[in-house]
Amino acid sequence: MATLPFSNVTNVFFDKESGEFILRDISLDTGAFRLVGFIHLQVVESTTWTIEHNLGSENISGVHVIEDTSNDQVFPDNVEVVDVNTVVISFTEAMSGKATLVLFI
């Protein structure tokens, strides 16, 4: 089995039927980092979503966006790490939905 550089992994899944994010924790006792999922709900349609996760990390492993109207995955046009607590994602069209950030902390 491969050794991974983090100790706790939070897997975030989106259930299209219920429209809910499901968090499943997996314990990996192999290192000094934790991989954490953070969920942002954007209720007002916008081309720019400012996400204040307040986790003190700029180390983003992934961004996953689900658009409210269709429940489809959408890929942001840009992801900007503003500082250790803030990420801004932008789109060409205004939308609302849910974004999951996965960060190493």
PDB file of N, CA and C in Angstrom:
ATOM      1  N   MET A   1       0.835  -1.187   0.000  1.00  0.00           N
ATOM      2  CA  MET A   1       0.000   0.000   0.000  1.00  0.00           C
ATOM      3  C   MET A   1       0.877   1.246   0.000  1.00  0.00           C
ATOM      4  N   ALA A   2       0.503   2.248  -0.789  1.00  0.00           N
ATOM      5  CA  ALA A   2       1.272   3.488  -0.894  1.00  0.00           C
ATOM      6  C   ALA A   2       1.123   4.328   0.372  1.00  0.00           C
ATOM      7  N   THR A   3       2.179   5.016   0.734  1.00  0.00           N
ATOM      8  CA  THR A   3       2.152   5.930   1.869  1.00  0.00           C
ATOM      9  C   THR A   3       1.745   7.312   1.365  1.00  0.00           C
ATOM     10  N   LEU A   4       0.750   7.899   1.990  1.00  0.00           N
ATOM     11  CA  LEU A   4       0.244   9.210   1.586  1.00  0.00           C
ATOM     12  C   LEU A   4       0.713  10.277   2.569  1.00  0.00           C
ATOM     13  N   PRO A   5       0.914  11.540   2.103  1.00  0.00           N
ATOM     14  CA  PRO A   5       1.482  12.592   2.961  1.00  0.00           C
ATOM     15  C   PRO A   5       0.460  13.316   3.833  1.00  0.00           C
ATOM     16  N   PHE A   6      -0.628  12.651   4.219  1.00  0.00           N
ATOM     17  CA  PHE A   6      -1.605  13.294   5.084  1.00  0.00           C
ATOM     18  C   PHE A   6      -2.236  12.253   5.985  1.00  0.00           C
ATOM     19  N   SER A   7      -2.843  12.706   7.093  1.00  0.00           N
ATOM     20  CA  SER A   7      -3.337  11.757   8.092  1.00  0.00           C
ATOM     21  C   SER A   7      -4.842  11.566   8.070  1.00  0.00           C
ATOM     22  N   ASN A   8      -5.601  12.564   7.680  1.00  0.00           N
ATOM     23  CA  ASN A   8      -7.055  12.426   7.646  1.00  0.00           C
ATOM     24  C   ASN A   8      -7.576  12.896   6.305  1.00  0.00           C
ATOM     25  N   VAL A   9      -8.373  12.093   5.653  1.00  0.00           N
ATOM     26  CA  VAL A   9      -8.929  12.451   4.360  1.00  0.00           C
ATOM     27  C   VAL A   9     -10.430  12.583   4.513  1.00  0.00           C
ATOM     28  N   THR A  10     -10.985  13.686   4.025  1.00  0.00           N
ATOM     29  CA  THR A  10     -12.436  13.842   3.977  1.00  0.00           C
ATOM     30  C   THR A  10     -12.839  13.753   2.516  1.00  0.00           C
ATOM     31  N   ASN A  11     -13.577  12.719   2.183  1.00  0.00           N
ATOM     32  CA  ASN A  11     -14.090  12.573   0.830  1.00  0.00           C
ATOM     33  C   ASN A  11     -15.453  13.236   0.757  1.00  0.00           C
ATOM     34  N   VAL A  12     -15.647  14.082  -0.223  1.00  0.00           N
ATOM     35  CA  VAL A  12     -16.902  14.800  -0.400  1.00  0.00           C
ATOM     36  C   VAL A  12     -17.549  14.303  -1.683  1.00  0.00           C
ATOM     37  N   PHE A  13     -18.764  13.796  -1.555  1.00  0.00           N
ATOM     38  CA  PHE A  13     -19.508  13.292  -2.693  1.00  0.00           C
ATOM     39  C   PHE A  13     -20.792  14.096  -2.854  1.00  0.00           C
ATOM     40  N   PHE A  14     -21.251  14.261  -4.088  1.00  0.00           N
ATOM     41  CA  PHE A  14     -22.513  14.946  -4.352  1.00  0.00           C
ATOM     42  C   PHE A  14     -23.537  13.921  -4.801  1.00  0.00           C
ATOM     43  N   ASP A  15     -24.676  13.849  -4.105  1.00  0.00           N
ATOM     44  CA  ASP A  15     -25.769  12.946  -4.451  1.00  0.00           C
ATOM     45  C   ASP A  15     -26.749  13.723  -5.321  1.00  0.00           C
ATOM     46  N   LYS A  16     -26.781  13.423  -6.630  1.00  0.00           N
ATOM     47  CA  LYS A  16     -27.630  14.177  -7.559  1.00  0.00           C
ATOM     48  C   LYS A  16     -29.117  14.008  -7.249  1.00  0.00           C
ATOM     49  N   GLU A  17     -29.529  12.864  -6.696  1.00  0.00           N
ATOM     50  CA  GLU A  17     -30.944  12.643  -6.390  1.00  0.00           C
ATOM     51  C   GLU A  17     -31.429  13.534  -5.257  1.00  0.00           C
ATOM     52  N   SER A  18     -30.641  13.626  -4.199  1.00  0.00           N
ATOM     53  CA  SER A  18     -31.069  14.431  -3.045  1.00  0.00           C
ATOM     54  C   SER A  18     -30.569  15.870  -3.132  1.00  0.00           C
ATOM     55  N   GLY A  19     -29.546  16.126  -3.979  1.00  0.00           N
ATOM     56  CA  GLY A  19     -28.970  17.456  -4.064  1.00  0.00           C
ATOM     57  C   GLY A  19     -28.102  17.804  -2.872  1.00  0.00           C
ATOM     58  N   GLU A  20     -27.647  16.792  -2.136  1.00  0.00           N
ATOM     59  CA  GLU A  20     -26.861  17.015  -0.927  1.00  0.00           C
ATOM     60  C   GLU A  20     -25.419  16.572  -1.119  1.00  0.00           C
ATOM     61  N   PHE A  21     -24.506  17.252  -0.412  1.00  0.00           N
ATOM     62  CA  PHE A  21     -23.132  16.800  -0.326  1.00  0.00           C
ATOM     63  C   PHE A  21     -23.031  15.803   0.815  1.00  0.00           C
ATOM     64  N   ILE A  22     -22.310  14.732   0.616  1.00  0.00           N
ATOM     65  CA  ILE A  22     -22.120  13.700   1.630  1.00  0.00           C
ATOM     66  C   ILE A  22     -20.639  13.659   1.972  1.00  0.00           C
ATOM     67  N   LEU A  23     -20.323  13.755   3.262  1.00  0.00           N
ATOM     68  CA  LEU A  23     -18.931  13.715   3.721  1.00  0.00           C
ATOM     69  C   LEU A  23     -18.647  12.342   4.311  1.00  0.00           C
ATOM     70  N   ARG A  24     -17.549  11.733   3.876  1.00  0.00           N
ATOM     71  CA  ARG A  24     -17.117  10.455   4.426  1.00  0.00           C
ATOM     72  C   ARG A  24     -15.675  10.617   4.873  1.00  0.00           C
ATOM     73  N   ASP A  25     -15.418  10.368   6.136  1.00  0.00           N
ATOM     74  CA  ASP A  25     -14.061  10.508   6.679  1.00  0.00           C
ATOM     75  C   ASP A  25     -13.324   9.182   6.596  1.00  0.00           C
ATOM     76  N   ILE A  26     -12.075   9.251   6.206  1.00  0.00           N
ATOM     77  CA  ILE A  26     -11.198   8.092   6.169  1.00  0.00           C
ATOM     78  C   ILE A  26      -9.973   8.446   6.991  1.00  0.00           C
ATOM     79  N   SER A  27      -9.600   7.602   7.911  1.00  0.00           N
ATOM     80  CA  SER A  27      -8.432   7.867   8.744  1.00  0.00           C
ATOM     81  C   SER A  27      -7.195   7.213   8.128  1.00  0.00           C
ATOM     82  N   LEU A  28      -6.190   8.007   7.815  1.00  0.00           N
ATOM     83  CA  LEU A  28      -4.909   7.515   7.318  1.00  0.00           C
ATOM     84  C   LEU A  28      -3.826   8.033   8.258  1.00  0.00           C
ATOM     85  N   ASP A  29      -3.225   7.169   9.021  1.00  0.00           N
ATOM     86  CA  ASP A  29      -2.239   7.554  10.027  1.00  0.00           C
ATOM     87  C   ASP A  29      -0.839   7.497   9.427  1.00  0.00           C
ATOM     88  N   THR A  30      -0.540   8.446   8.485  1.00  0.00           N
ATOM     89  CA  THR A  30       0.738   8.354   7.784  1.00  0.00           C
ATOM     90  C   THR A  30       1.536   9.644   7.711  1.00  0.00           C
ATOM     91  N   GLY A  31       1.056  10.766   8.251  1.00  0.00           N
ATOM     92  CA  GLY A  31       1.852  11.975   8.068  1.00  0.00           C
ATOM     93  C   GLY A  31       1.373  13.160   8.862  1.00  0.00           C
ATOM     94  N   ALA A  32       1.834  14.349   8.431  1.00  0.00           N
ATOM     95  CA  ALA A  32       1.602  15.573   9.180  1.00  0.00           C
ATOM     96  C   ALA A  32       0.512  16.455   8.605  1.00  0.00           C
ATOM     97  N   PHE A  33      -0.087  16.098   7.463  1.00  0.00           N
ATOM     98  CA  PHE A  33      -1.098  16.938   6.838  1.00  0.00           C
ATOM     99  C   PHE A  33      -2.483  16.320   6.944  1.00  0.00           C
ATOM    100  N   ARG A  34      -3.496  17.174   6.908  1.00  0.00           N
ATOM    101  CA  ARG A  34      -4.886  16.724   6.807  1.00  0.00           C
ATOM    102  C   ARG A  34      -5.457  17.256   5.507  1.00  0.00           C
ATOM    103  N   LEU A  35      -6.264  16.466   4.843  1.00  0.00           N
ATOM    104  CA  LEU A  35      -6.990  16.903   3.654  1.00  0.00           C
ATOM    105  C   LEU A  35      -8.417  17.150   4.102  1.00  0.00           C
ATOM    106  N   VAL A  36      -8.913  18.388   3.920  1.00  0.00           N
ATOM    107  CA  VAL A  36     -10.211  18.799   4.462  1.00  0.00           C
ATOM    108  C   VAL A  36     -11.109  19.325   3.354  1.00  0.00           C
ATOM    109  N   GLY A  37     -12.373  18.940   3.396  1.00  0.00           N
ATOM    110  CA  GLY A  37     -13.362  19.472   2.462  1.00  0.00           C
ATOM    111  C   GLY A  37     -14.114  20.630   3.086  1.00  0.00           C
ATOM    112  N   PHE A  38     -14.369  21.675   2.309  1.00  0.00           N
ATOM    113  CA  PHE A  38     -15.129  22.844   2.770  1.00  0.00           C
ATOM    114  C   PHE A  38     -16.234  23.102   1.759  1.00  0.00           C
ATOM    115  N   ILE A  39     -17.476  23.232   2.221  1.00  0.00           N
ATOM    116  CA  ILE A  39     -18.619  23.441   1.327  1.00  0.00           C
ATOM    117  C   ILE A  39     -19.080  24.893   1.402  1.00  0.00           C
ATOM    118  N   HIS A  40     -19.226  25.505   0.231  1.00  0.00           N
ATOM    119  CA  HIS A  40     -19.711  26.887   0.093  1.00  0.00           C
ATOM    120  C   HIS A  40     -21.037  26.849  -0.659  1.00  0.00           C
ATOM    121  N   LEU A  41     -22.056  27.493  -0.112  1.00  0.00           N
ATOM    122  CA  LEU A  41     -23.348  27.615  -0.779  1.00  0.00           C
ATOM    123  C   LEU A  41     -23.483  29.019  -1.335  1.00  0.00           C
ATOM    124  N   GLN A  42     -23.665  29.137  -2.648  1.00  0.00           N
ATOM    125  CA  GLN A  42     -23.838  30.441  -3.310  1.00  0.00           C
ATOM    126  C   GLN A  42     -25.317  30.557  -3.672  1.00  0.00           C
ATOM    127  N   VAL A  43     -26.082  31.308  -2.877  1.00  0.00           N
ATOM    128  CA  VAL A  43     -27.528  31.381  -3.086  1.00  0.00           C
ATOM    129  C   VAL A  43     -27.927  32.477  -4.067  1.00  0.00           C
ATOM    130  N   VAL A  44     -27.081  33.489  -4.232  1.00  0.00           N
ATOM    131  CA  VAL A  44     -27.354  34.581  -5.168  1.00  0.00           C
ATOM    132  C   VAL A  44     -26.537  34.339  -6.437  1.00  0.00           C
ATOM    133  N   GLU A  45     -27.190  34.358  -7.589  1.00  0.00           N
ATOM    134  CA  GLU A  45     -26.466  34.157  -8.842  1.00  0.00           C
ATOM    135  C   GLU A  45     -25.397  35.227  -9.018  1.00  0.00           C
ATOM    136  N   SER A  46     -24.199  34.774  -9.419  1.00  0.00           N
ATOM    137  CA  SER A  46     -23.082  35.694  -9.605  1.00  0.00           C
ATOM    138  C   SER A  46     -22.050  35.047 -10.521  1.00  0.00           C
ATOM    139  N   THR A  47     -21.256  35.881 -11.204  1.00  0.00           N
ATOM    140  CA  THR A  47     -20.147  35.362 -12.000  1.00  0.00           C
ATOM    141  C   THR A  47     -18.900  35.176 -11.147  1.00  0.00           C
ATOM    142  N   THR A  48     -18.893  35.761  -9.949  1.00  0.00           N
ATOM    143  CA  THR A  48     -17.753  35.661  -9.037  1.00  0.00           C
ATOM    144  C   THR A  48     -18.240  35.188  -7.675  1.00  0.00           C
ATOM    145  N   TRP A  49     -17.679  34.085  -7.215  1.00  0.00           N
ATOM    146  CA  TRP A  49     -18.010  33.563  -5.891  1.00  0.00           C
ATOM    147  C   TRP A  49     -16.790  33.757  -4.988  1.00  0.00           C
ATOM    148  N   THR A  50     -16.961  34.505  -3.901  1.00  0.00           N
ATOM    149  CA  THR A  50     -15.900  34.676  -2.917  1.00  0.00           C
ATOM    150  C   THR A  50     -16.149  33.695  -1.786  1.00  0.00           C
ATOM    151  N   ILE A  51     -15.187  32.820  -1.564  1.00  0.00           N
ATOM    152  CA  ILE A  51     -15.333  31.754  -0.569  1.00  0.00           C
ATOM    153  C   ILE A  51     -14.351  32.005   0.566  1.00  0.00           C
ATOM    154  N   GLU A  52     -14.901  32.283   1.741  1.00  0.00           N
ATOM    155  CA  GLU A  52     -14.075  32.484   2.937  1.00  0.00           C
ATOM    156  C   GLU A  52     -14.145  31.205   3.766  1.00  0.00           C
ATOM    157  N   HIS A  53     -13.116  30.362   3.619  1.00  0.00           N
ATOM    158  CA  HIS A  53     -13.103  29.073   4.310  1.00  0.00           C
ATOM    159  C   HIS A  53     -12.470  29.155   5.695  1.00  0.00           C
ATOM    160  N   ASN A  54     -11.637  30.151   5.956  1.00  0.00           N
ATOM    161  CA  ASN A  54     -11.004  30.385   7.255  1.00  0.00           C
ATOM    162  C   ASN A  54     -10.268  29.163   7.803  1.00  0.00           C
ATOM    163  N   LEU A  55      -9.608  28.399   6.906  1.00  0.00           N
ATOM    164  CA  LEU A  55      -8.855  27.211   7.325  1.00  0.00           C
ATOM    165  C   LEU A  55      -7.348  27.452   7.383  1.00  0.00           C
ATOM    166  N   GLY A  56      -6.912  28.671   7.053  1.00  0.00           N
ATOM    167  CA  GLY A  56      -5.502  29.008   7.170  1.00  0.00           C
ATOM    168  C   GLY A  56      -4.600  28.248   6.213  1.00  0.00           C
ATOM    169  N   SER A  57      -5.082  27.996   4.983  1.00  0.00           N
ATOM    170  CA  SER A  57      -4.277  27.249   4.021  1.00  0.00           C
ATOM    171  C   SER A  57      -4.495  27.774   2.603  1.00  0.00           C
ATOM    172  N   GLU A  58      -3.409  27.869   1.851  1.00  0.00           N
ATOM    173  CA  GLU A  58      -3.470  28.205   0.427  1.00  0.00           C
ATOM    174  C   GLU A  58      -3.322  26.960  -0.440  1.00  0.00           C
ATOM    175  N   ASN A  59      -3.193  25.806   0.175  1.00  0.00           N
ATOM    176  CA  ASN A  59      -2.915  24.556  -0.527  1.00  0.00           C
ATOM    177  C   ASN A  59      -4.206  23.862  -0.945  1.00  0.00           C
ATOM    178  N   ILE A  60      -4.733  24.259  -2.098  1.00  0.00           N
ATOM    179  CA  ILE A  60      -5.980  23.697  -2.598  1.00  0.00           C
ATOM    180  C   ILE A  60      -5.680  22.496  -3.482  1.00  0.00           C
ATOM    181  N   SER A  61      -6.313  21.387  -3.162  1.00  0.00           N
ATOM    182  CA  SER A  61      -6.140  20.166  -3.935  1.00  0.00           C
ATOM    183  C   SER A  61      -7.204  20.047  -5.021  1.00  0.00           C
ATOM    184  N   GLY A  62      -8.379  20.680  -4.809  1.00  0.00           N
ATOM    185  CA  GLY A  62      -9.432  20.585  -5.814  1.00  0.00           C
ATOM    186  C   GLY A  62     -10.596  21.507  -5.537  1.00  0.00           C
ATOM    187  N   VAL A  63     -11.335  21.820  -6.610  1.00  0.00           N
ATOM    188  CA  VAL A  63     -12.555  22.624  -6.538  1.00  0.00           C
ATOM    189  C   VAL A  63     -13.616  21.884  -7.347  1.00  0.00           C
ATOM    190  N   HIS A  64     -14.781  21.686  -6.744  1.00  0.00           N
ATOM    191  CA  HIS A  64     -15.875  20.969  -7.395  1.00  0.00           C
ATOM    192  C   HIS A  64     -17.128  21.842  -7.277  1.00  0.00           C
ATOM    193  N   VAL A  65     -17.757  22.193  -8.419  1.00  0.00           N
ATOM    194  CA  VAL A  65     -18.907  23.098  -8.415  1.00  0.00           C
ATOM    195  C   VAL A  65     -20.119  22.386  -9.019  1.00  0.00           C
ATOM    196  N   ILE A  66     -21.251  22.501  -8.335  1.00  0.00           N
ATOM    197  CA  ILE A  66     -22.532  21.996  -8.832  1.00  0.00           C
ATOM    198  C   ILE A  66     -23.467  23.182  -8.988  1.00  0.00           C
ATOM    199  N   GLU A  67     -23.997  23.377 -10.201  1.00  0.00           N
ATOM    200  CA  GLU A  67     -24.916  24.477 -10.510  1.00  0.00           C
ATOM    201  C   GLU A  67     -26.317  24.099 -10.029  1.00  0.00           C
ATOM    202  N   ASP A  68     -27.035  25.061  -9.400  1.00  0.00           N
ATOM    203  CA  ASP A  68     -28.340  24.795  -8.784  1.00  0.00           C
ATOM    204  C   ASP A  68     -29.430  24.369  -9.760  1.00  0.00           C
ATOM    205  N   THR A  69     -29.553  25.055 -10.876  1.00  0.00           N
ATOM    206  CA  THR A  69     -30.672  24.818 -11.788  1.00  0.00           C
ATOM    207  C   THR A  69     -30.666  23.416 -12.379  1.00  0.00           C
ATOM    208  N   SER A  70     -29.505  22.968 -12.849  1.00  0.00           N
ATOM    209  CA  SER A  70     -29.417  21.680 -13.531  1.00  0.00           C
ATOM    210  C   SER A  70     -28.839  20.553 -12.673  1.00  0.00           C
ATOM    211  N   ASN A  71     -28.249  20.888 -11.541  1.00  0.00           N
ATOM    212  CA  ASN A  71     -27.508  19.936 -10.709  1.00  0.00           C
ATOM    213  C   ASN A  71     -26.342  19.306 -11.456  1.00  0.00           C
ATOM    214  N   ASP A  72     -25.817  19.997 -12.459  1.00  0.00           N
ATOM    215  CA  ASP A  72     -24.669  19.518 -13.221  1.00  0.00           C
ATOM    216  C   ASP A  72     -23.377  20.096 -12.652  1.00  0.00           C
ATOM    217  N   GLN A  73     -22.282  19.352 -12.841  1.00  0.00           N
ATOM    218  CA  GLN A  73     -20.972  19.863 -12.470  1.00  0.00           C
ATOM    219  C   GLN A  73     -20.566  20.935 -13.472  1.00  0.00           C
ATOM    220  N   VAL A  74     -20.021  22.032 -12.957  1.00  0.00           N
ATOM    221  CA  VAL A  74     -19.579  23.160 -13.774  1.00  0.00           C
ATOM    222  C   VAL A  74     -18.101  23.412 -13.449  1.00  0.00           C
ATOM    223  N   PHE A  75     -17.314  23.714 -14.479  1.00  0.00           N
ATOM    224  CA  PHE A  75     -15.902  24.001 -14.264  1.00  0.00           C
ATOM    225  C   PHE A  75     -15.696  25.511 -14.272  1.00  0.00           C
ATOM    226  N   PRO A  76     -15.141  26.066 -13.187  1.00  0.00           N
ATOM    227  CA  PRO A  76     -14.898  27.512 -13.133  1.00  0.00           C
ATOM    228  C   PRO A  76     -13.923  27.945 -14.219  1.00  0.00           C
ATOM    229  N   ASP A  77     -14.070  29.206 -14.685  1.00  0.00           N
ATOM    230  CA  ASP A  77     -13.133  29.770 -15.636  1.00  0.00           C
ATOM    231  C   ASP A  77     -11.820  30.142 -14.964  1.00  0.00           C
ATOM    232  N   ASN A  78     -11.901  30.487 -13.666  1.00  0.00           N
ATOM    233  CA  ASN A  78     -10.698  30.872 -12.935  1.00  0.00           C
ATOM    234  C   ASN A  78     -10.877  30.556 -11.455  1.00  0.00           C
ATOM    235  N   VAL A  79      -9.793  30.110 -10.835  1.00  0.00           N
ATOM    236  CA  VAL A  79      -9.747  29.898  -9.386  1.00  0.00           C
ATOM    237  C   VAL A  79      -8.548  30.685  -8.872  1.00  0.00           C
ATOM    238  N   GLU A  80      -8.808  31.645  -7.981  1.00  0.00           N
ATOM    239  CA  GLU A  80      -7.747  32.494  -7.444  1.00  0.00           C
ATOM    240  C   GLU A  80      -7.669  32.328  -5.931  1.00  0.00           C
ATOM    241  N   VAL A  81      -6.494  31.973  -5.445  1.00  0.00           N
ATOM    242  CA  VAL A  81      -6.256  31.921  -4.005  1.00  0.00           C
ATOM    243  C   VAL A  81      -5.852  33.328  -3.584  1.00  0.00           C
ATOM    244  N   VAL A  82      -6.744  34.016  -2.870  1.00  0.00           N
ATOM    245  CA  VAL A  82      -6.500  35.403  -2.462  1.00  0.00           C
ATOM    246  C   VAL A  82      -5.553  35.449  -1.269  1.00  0.00           C
ATOM    247  N   ASP A  83      -5.814  34.615  -0.281  1.00  0.00           N
ATOM    248  CA  ASP A  83      -4.959  34.514   0.902  1.00  0.00           C
ATOM    249  C   ASP A  83      -5.227  33.173   1.568  1.00  0.00           C
ATOM    250  N   VAL A  84      -4.695  32.953   2.763  1.00  0.00           N
ATOM    251  CA  VAL A  84      -4.821  31.652   3.430  1.00  0.00           C
ATOM    252  C   VAL A  84      -6.242  31.315   3.866  1.00  0.00           C
ATOM    253  N   ASN A  85      -7.161  32.264   3.769  1.00  0.00           N
ATOM    254  CA  ASN A  85      -8.545  32.041   4.194  1.00  0.00           C
ATOM    255  C   ASN A  85      -9.585  32.298   3.111  1.00  0.00           C
ATOM    256  N   THR A  86      -9.159  32.753   1.920  1.00  0.00           N
ATOM    257  CA  THR A  86     -10.122  33.188   0.904  1.00  0.00           C
ATOM    258  C   THR A  86      -9.737  32.680  -0.480  1.00  0.00           C
ATOM    259  N   VAL A  87     -10.751  32.181  -1.201  1.00  0.00           N
ATOM    260  CA  VAL A  87     -10.606  31.748  -2.586  1.00  0.00           C
ATOM    261  C   VAL A  87     -11.712  32.416  -3.389  1.00  0.00           C
ATOM    262  N   VAL A  88     -11.406  32.872  -4.602  1.00  0.00           N
ATOM    263  CA  VAL A  88     -12.414  33.442  -5.495  1.00  0.00           C
ATOM    264  C   VAL A  88     -12.464  32.578  -6.742  1.00  0.00           C
ATOM    265  N   ILE A  89     -13.668  32.096  -7.070  1.00  0.00           N
ATOM    266  CA  ILE A  89     -13.844  31.358  -8.324  1.00  0.00           C
ATOM    267  C   ILE A  89     -14.772  32.176  -9.216  1.00  0.00           C
ATOM    268  N   SER A  90     -14.492  32.132 -10.526  1.00  0.00           N
ATOM    269  CA  SER A  90     -15.292  32.950 -11.444  1.00  0.00           C
ATOM    270  C   SER A  90     -15.753  32.124 -12.633  1.00  0.00           C
ATOM    271  N   PHE A  91     -16.872  32.583 -13.217  1.00  0.00           N
ATOM    272  CA  PHE A  91     -17.537  31.917 -14.337  1.00  0.00           C
ATOM    273  C   PHE A  91     -17.874  32.955 -15.402  1.00  0.00           C
ATOM    274  N   THR A  92     -18.105  32.506 -16.634  1.00  0.00           N
ATOM    275  CA  THR A  92     -18.500  33.431 -17.697  1.00  0.00           C
ATOM    276  C   THR A  92     -19.964  33.830 -17.575  1.00  0.00           C
ATOM    277  N   GLU A  93     -20.783  32.961 -16.956  1.00  0.00           N
ATOM    278  CA  GLU A  93     -22.204  33.263 -16.756  1.00  0.00           C
ATOM    279  C   GLU A  93     -22.534  33.235 -15.273  1.00  0.00           C
ATOM    280  N   ALA A  94     -23.449  34.110 -14.864  1.00  0.00           N
ATOM    281  CA  ALA A  94     -23.868  34.141 -13.461  1.00  0.00           C
ATOM    282  C   ALA A  94     -24.637  32.869 -13.125  1.00  0.00           C
ATOM    283  N   MET A  95     -24.372  32.331 -11.947  1.00  0.00           N
ATOM    284  CA  MET A  95     -25.076  31.132 -11.485  1.00  0.00           C
ATOM    285  C   MET A  95     -25.031  31.058  -9.973  1.00  0.00           C
ATOM    286  N   SER A  96     -25.886  30.227  -9.430  1.00  0.00           N
ATOM    287  CA  SER A  96     -25.857  29.896  -8.012  1.00  0.00           C
ATOM    288  C   SER A  96     -25.583  28.401  -7.908  1.00  0.00           C
ATOM    289  N   GLY A  97     -25.202  27.944  -6.729  1.00  0.00           N
ATOM    290  CA  GLY A  97     -24.924  26.527  -6.563  1.00  0.00           C
ATOM    291  C   GLY A  97     -24.085  26.243  -5.339  1.00  0.00           C
ATOM    292  N   LYS A  98     -23.363  25.119  -5.413  1.00  0.00           N
ATOM    293  CA  LYS A  98     -22.540  24.659  -4.304  1.00  0.00           C
ATOM    294  C   LYS A  98     -21.123  24.430  -4.804  1.00  0.00           C
ATOM    295  N   ALA A  99     -20.154  24.848  -4.016  1.00  0.00           N
ATOM    296  CA  ALA A  99     -18.748  24.601  -4.348  1.00  0.00           C
ATOM    297  C   ALA A  99     -18.107  23.866  -3.185  1.00  0.00           C
ATOM    298  N   THR A 100     -17.333  22.849  -3.508  1.00  0.00           N
ATOM    299  CA  THR A 100     -16.551  22.146  -2.507  1.00  0.00           C
ATOM    300  C   THR A 100     -15.087  22.409  -2.777  1.00  0.00           C
ATOM    301  N   LEU A 101     -14.381  22.877  -1.750  1.00  0.00           N
ATOM    302  CA  LEU A 101     -12.934  23.036  -1.829  1.00  0.00           C
ATOM    303  C   LEU A 101     -12.317  21.872  -1.053  1.00  0.00           C
ATOM    304  N   VAL A 102     -11.230  21.348  -1.571  1.00  0.00           N
ATOM    305  CA  VAL A 102     -10.456  20.349  -0.852  1.00  0.00           C
ATOM    306  C   VAL A 102      -9.083  20.964  -0.614  1.00  0.00           C
ATOM    307  N   LEU A 103      -8.701  21.072   0.665  1.00  0.00           N
ATOM    308  CA  LEU A 103      -7.458  21.751   1.040  1.00  0.00           C
ATOM    309  C   LEU A 103      -6.598  20.869   1.928  1.00  0.00           C
ATOM    310  N   PHE A 104      -5.278  21.021   1.764  1.00  0.00           N
ATOM    311  CA  PHE A 104      -4.326  20.448   2.715  1.00  0.00           C
ATOM    312  C   PHE A 104      -4.122  21.474   3.813  1.00  0.00           C
ATOM    313  N   ILE A 105      -4.270  21.050   5.074  1.00  0.00           N
ATOM    314  CA  ILE A 105      -3.999  21.955   6.205  1.00  0.00           C
ATOM    315  C   ILE A 105      -3.049  21.288   7.162  1.00  0.00           C
TER     316      ILE A 105
END
